[in-house]
Amino acid sequence: MFKKTTTLVAALTLFAVPTAAFAQATVGGVAVPTDGLPYVVSYCEDLDSMSASDRFDHAPRHAQSVASGISLKTITLNDCQRAGLI
């Protein structure tokens, strides 16, 4: 009985405690992990500060994309606005 109870408590604890690794936000249909969100916000702020023609030619820094864990070039200014990041 003790083994079953201990296993049940351990299993319930795993589901009851959310972890940062599983928390995500969605920006433009792209799932953004919590640790990558600051990079996405920074990228959105960059886009917001540019003119339309500059945005068209803008490419995210490689380090930003790698650190965020997603391809930032797939995110548009409208995606950032819909997600409430700017």
N, C-alpha and C. Protein backbone atom coordinates (compact mmCIF):
# COMPACT_ATOMS: atom_id res chain seq x y z
N MET A 1 0.83 -1.19 0.00
CA MET A 1 0.00 0.00 0.00
C MET A 1 0.87 1.26 0.00
N PHE A 2 1.95 1.22 0.76
CA PHE A 2 2.83 2.40 0.84
C PHE A 2 3.43 2.74 -0.52
N LYS A 3 3.82 1.72 -1.28
CA LYS A 3 4.43 1.94 -2.59
C LYS A 3 3.43 2.58 -3.56
N LYS A 4 2.17 2.12 -3.55
CA LYS A 4 1.15 2.69 -4.42
C LYS A 4 0.85 4.14 -4.05
N THR A 5 0.76 4.41 -2.77
CA THR A 5 0.47 5.77 -2.31
C THR A 5 1.60 6.72 -2.67
N THR A 6 2.83 6.28 -2.48
CA THR A 6 3.99 7.11 -2.80
C THR A 6 4.05 7.40 -4.30
N THR A 7 3.78 6.40 -5.11
CA THR A 7 3.79 6.58 -6.56
C THR A 7 2.69 7.53 -6.99
N LEU A 8 1.51 7.40 -6.40
CA LEU A 8 0.40 8.28 -6.73
C LEU A 8 0.71 9.72 -6.34
N VAL A 9 1.26 9.94 -5.18
CA VAL A 9 1.62 11.29 -4.73
C VAL A 9 2.67 11.90 -5.66
N ALA A 10 3.65 11.12 -6.03
CA ALA A 10 4.70 11.62 -6.94
C ALA A 10 4.11 11.98 -8.30
N ALA A 11 3.22 11.15 -8.82
CA ALA A 11 2.60 11.43 -10.12
C ALA A 11 1.74 12.67 -10.06
N LEU A 12 0.95 12.82 -9.02
CA LEU A 12 0.11 14.00 -8.88
C LEU A 12 0.94 15.27 -8.71
N THR A 13 2.05 15.18 -8.04
CA THR A 13 2.92 16.33 -7.86
C THR A 13 3.47 16.81 -9.19
N LEU A 14 3.82 15.91 -10.08
CA LEU A 14 4.34 16.29 -11.39
C LEU A 14 3.31 17.06 -12.20
N PHE A 15 2.04 16.68 -12.09
CA PHE A 15 1.01 17.37 -12.86
C PHE A 15 0.52 18.63 -12.18
N ALA A 16 0.65 18.73 -10.87
CA ALA A 16 0.13 19.88 -10.14
C ALA A 16 1.08 21.07 -10.14
N VAL A 17 2.36 20.84 -10.35
CA VAL A 17 3.34 21.91 -10.27
C VAL A 17 3.75 22.32 -11.68
N PRO A 18 3.28 23.50 -12.16
CA PRO A 18 3.72 23.92 -13.49
C PRO A 18 5.19 24.33 -13.46
N THR A 19 5.87 24.04 -14.54
CA THR A 19 7.28 24.42 -14.62
C THR A 19 7.47 25.40 -15.75
N ALA A 20 8.53 26.17 -15.68
CA ALA A 20 8.83 27.17 -16.70
C ALA A 20 9.08 26.54 -18.06
N ALA A 21 9.55 25.30 -18.06
CA ALA A 21 9.84 24.65 -19.33
C ALA A 21 8.58 24.40 -20.15
N PHE A 22 7.44 24.24 -19.47
CA PHE A 22 6.20 23.95 -20.17
C PHE A 22 5.37 25.20 -20.45
N ALA A 23 5.65 26.30 -19.77
CA ALA A 23 4.88 27.52 -19.96
C ALA A 23 5.27 28.16 -21.28
N GLN A 24 4.26 28.58 -22.04
CA GLN A 24 4.53 29.17 -23.34
C GLN A 24 3.55 30.29 -23.63
N ALA A 25 3.96 31.17 -24.51
CA ALA A 25 3.09 32.18 -25.08
C ALA A 25 3.04 31.91 -26.57
N THR A 26 2.00 32.37 -27.23
CA THR A 26 1.90 32.19 -28.67
C THR A 26 1.90 33.56 -29.34
N VAL A 27 2.80 33.74 -30.27
CA VAL A 27 2.91 34.99 -31.02
C VAL A 27 2.87 34.62 -32.50
N GLY A 28 1.81 35.04 -33.16
CA GLY A 28 1.68 34.75 -34.59
C GLY A 28 1.66 33.29 -34.92
N GLY A 29 1.06 32.48 -34.06
CA GLY A 29 0.98 31.05 -34.30
C GLY A 29 2.25 30.31 -33.93
N VAL A 30 3.23 31.01 -33.40
CA VAL A 30 4.50 30.40 -33.01
C VAL A 30 4.52 30.28 -31.49
N ALA A 31 4.72 29.07 -30.99
CA ALA A 31 4.82 28.87 -29.54
C ALA A 31 6.17 29.38 -29.06
N VAL A 32 6.12 30.30 -28.11
CA VAL A 32 7.35 30.92 -27.59
C VAL A 32 7.54 30.46 -26.15
N PRO A 33 8.63 29.76 -25.85
CA PRO A 33 8.88 29.35 -24.47
C PRO A 33 9.13 30.58 -23.59
N THR A 34 8.83 30.46 -22.33
CA THR A 34 8.96 31.58 -21.40
C THR A 34 10.36 32.17 -21.41
N ASP A 35 11.38 31.34 -21.48
CA ASP A 35 12.75 31.87 -21.46
C ASP A 35 13.11 32.58 -22.77
N GLY A 36 12.36 32.36 -23.84
CA GLY A 36 12.61 33.05 -25.10
C GLY A 36 11.79 34.32 -25.27
N LEU A 37 10.80 34.53 -24.38
CA LEU A 37 9.92 35.67 -24.51
C LEU A 37 10.62 37.03 -24.47
N PRO A 38 11.63 37.25 -23.62
CA PRO A 38 12.32 38.55 -23.65
C PRO A 38 12.95 38.87 -25.01
N TYR A 39 13.43 37.87 -25.71
CA TYR A 39 14.02 38.08 -27.03
C TYR A 39 12.95 38.45 -28.06
N VAL A 40 11.80 37.82 -27.93
CA VAL A 40 10.70 38.12 -28.84
C VAL A 40 10.19 39.54 -28.58
N VAL A 41 10.06 39.91 -27.32
CA VAL A 41 9.62 41.27 -26.98
C VAL A 41 10.61 42.29 -27.53
N SER A 42 11.89 42.03 -27.38
CA SER A 42 12.92 42.93 -27.90
C SER A 42 12.81 43.05 -29.41
N TYR A 43 12.60 41.94 -30.08
CA TYR A 43 12.44 41.95 -31.54
C TYR A 43 11.19 42.74 -31.94
N CYS A 44 10.10 42.56 -31.21
CA CYS A 44 8.87 43.30 -31.50
C CYS A 44 9.07 44.80 -31.30
N GLU A 45 9.79 45.17 -30.27
CA GLU A 45 10.08 46.59 -30.04
C GLU A 45 10.94 47.16 -31.16
N ASP A 46 11.89 46.37 -31.65
CA ASP A 46 12.70 46.79 -32.80
C ASP A 46 11.81 47.05 -34.01
N LEU A 47 10.90 46.11 -34.29
CA LEU A 47 10.00 46.27 -35.43
C LEU A 47 9.11 47.50 -35.27
N ASP A 48 8.64 47.74 -34.05
CA ASP A 48 7.75 48.87 -33.80
C ASP A 48 8.44 50.22 -34.02
N SER A 49 9.74 50.26 -33.78
CA SER A 49 10.47 51.52 -33.90
C SER A 49 10.92 51.82 -35.33
N MET A 50 10.69 50.89 -36.25
CA MET A 50 11.16 51.05 -37.64
C MET A 50 10.03 51.55 -38.54
N SER A 51 10.46 52.13 -39.66
CA SER A 51 9.49 52.50 -40.69
C SER A 51 9.09 51.22 -41.44
N ALA A 52 8.02 51.30 -42.21
CA ALA A 52 7.54 50.12 -42.95
C ALA A 52 8.59 49.57 -43.90
N SER A 53 9.32 50.45 -44.57
CA SER A 53 10.34 49.97 -45.52
C SER A 53 11.52 49.32 -44.78
N ASP A 54 11.87 49.87 -43.61
CA ASP A 54 12.95 49.25 -42.83
C ASP A 54 12.54 47.88 -42.31
N ARG A 55 11.28 47.74 -41.91
CA ARG A 55 10.77 46.46 -41.42
C ARG A 55 10.84 45.40 -42.51
N PHE A 56 10.57 45.80 -43.74
CA PHE A 56 10.58 44.87 -44.86
C PHE A 56 11.98 44.26 -45.04
N ASP A 57 13.00 45.06 -44.87
CA ASP A 57 14.38 44.61 -45.08
C ASP A 57 15.04 44.06 -43.81
N HIS A 58 14.37 44.20 -42.67
CA HIS A 58 14.98 43.83 -41.39
C HIS A 58 15.07 42.32 -41.22
N ALA A 59 16.21 41.87 -40.77
CA ALA A 59 16.40 40.46 -40.42
C ALA A 59 16.86 40.42 -38.97
N PRO A 60 16.27 39.55 -38.17
CA PRO A 60 16.69 39.46 -36.77
C PRO A 60 18.14 39.01 -36.67
N ARG A 61 18.78 39.43 -35.61
CA ARG A 61 20.15 38.98 -35.37
C ARG A 61 20.13 37.47 -35.12
N HIS A 62 21.11 36.80 -35.62
CA HIS A 62 21.20 35.34 -35.47
C HIS A 62 21.18 34.95 -33.99
N ALA A 63 21.89 35.70 -33.18
CA ALA A 63 21.96 35.39 -31.74
C ALA A 63 20.57 35.50 -31.10
N GLN A 64 19.76 36.46 -31.55
CA GLN A 64 18.41 36.62 -31.03
C GLN A 64 17.56 35.39 -31.35
N SER A 65 17.64 34.92 -32.57
CA SER A 65 16.85 33.76 -32.98
C SER A 65 17.29 32.50 -32.23
N VAL A 66 18.57 32.33 -32.09
CA VAL A 66 19.09 31.15 -31.39
C VAL A 66 18.69 31.19 -29.92
N ALA A 67 18.83 32.35 -29.29
CA ALA A 67 18.52 32.46 -27.86
C ALA A 67 17.03 32.30 -27.60
N SER A 68 16.18 32.78 -28.50
CA SER A 68 14.74 32.68 -28.28
C SER A 68 14.24 31.27 -28.56
N GLY A 69 14.96 30.50 -29.35
CA GLY A 69 14.56 29.14 -29.68
C GLY A 69 13.56 29.06 -30.81
N ILE A 70 13.27 30.18 -31.47
CA ILE A 70 12.33 30.19 -32.59
C ILE A 70 12.91 31.03 -33.72
N SER A 71 12.30 30.94 -34.86
CA SER A 71 12.72 31.76 -35.99
C SER A 71 11.97 33.09 -35.91
N LEU A 72 12.64 34.13 -35.48
CA LEU A 72 11.98 35.42 -35.27
C LEU A 72 11.48 36.04 -36.57
N LYS A 73 12.10 35.69 -37.69
CA LYS A 73 11.70 36.31 -38.95
C LYS A 73 10.28 35.93 -39.36
N THR A 74 9.70 34.91 -38.70
CA THR A 74 8.32 34.52 -39.00
C THR A 74 7.31 35.39 -38.26
N ILE A 75 7.77 36.22 -37.34
CA ILE A 75 6.88 37.06 -36.53
C ILE A 75 6.81 38.45 -37.15
N THR A 76 5.58 38.95 -37.36
CA THR A 76 5.38 40.27 -37.94
C THR A 76 4.98 41.27 -36.86
N LEU A 77 4.96 42.53 -37.24
CA LEU A 77 4.54 43.58 -36.31
C LEU A 77 3.09 43.36 -35.87
N ASN A 78 2.23 42.95 -36.80
CA ASN A 78 0.83 42.67 -36.45
C ASN A 78 0.74 41.53 -35.43
N ASP A 79 1.58 40.53 -35.58
CA ASP A 79 1.59 39.42 -34.61
C ASP A 79 1.96 39.94 -33.22
N CYS A 80 2.93 40.82 -33.17
CA CYS A 80 3.36 41.40 -31.89
C CYS A 80 2.23 42.21 -31.25
N GLN A 81 1.52 42.97 -32.08
CA GLN A 81 0.43 43.78 -31.56
C GLN A 81 -0.71 42.93 -31.08
N ARG A 82 -1.07 41.88 -31.82
CA ARG A 82 -2.15 40.98 -31.40
C ARG A 82 -1.82 40.26 -30.11
N ALA A 83 -0.55 39.95 -29.91
CA ALA A 83 -0.13 39.26 -28.69
C ALA A 83 0.00 40.21 -27.50
N GLY A 84 -0.11 41.53 -27.78
CA GLY A 84 -0.02 42.52 -26.70
C GLY A 84 1.40 42.79 -26.23
N LEU A 85 2.37 42.52 -27.06
CA LEU A 85 3.77 42.74 -26.67
C LEU A 85 4.21 44.18 -26.90
N ILE A 86 3.49 44.92 -27.74
CA ILE A 86 3.80 46.34 -27.96
C ILE A 86 2.51 47.13 -27.99
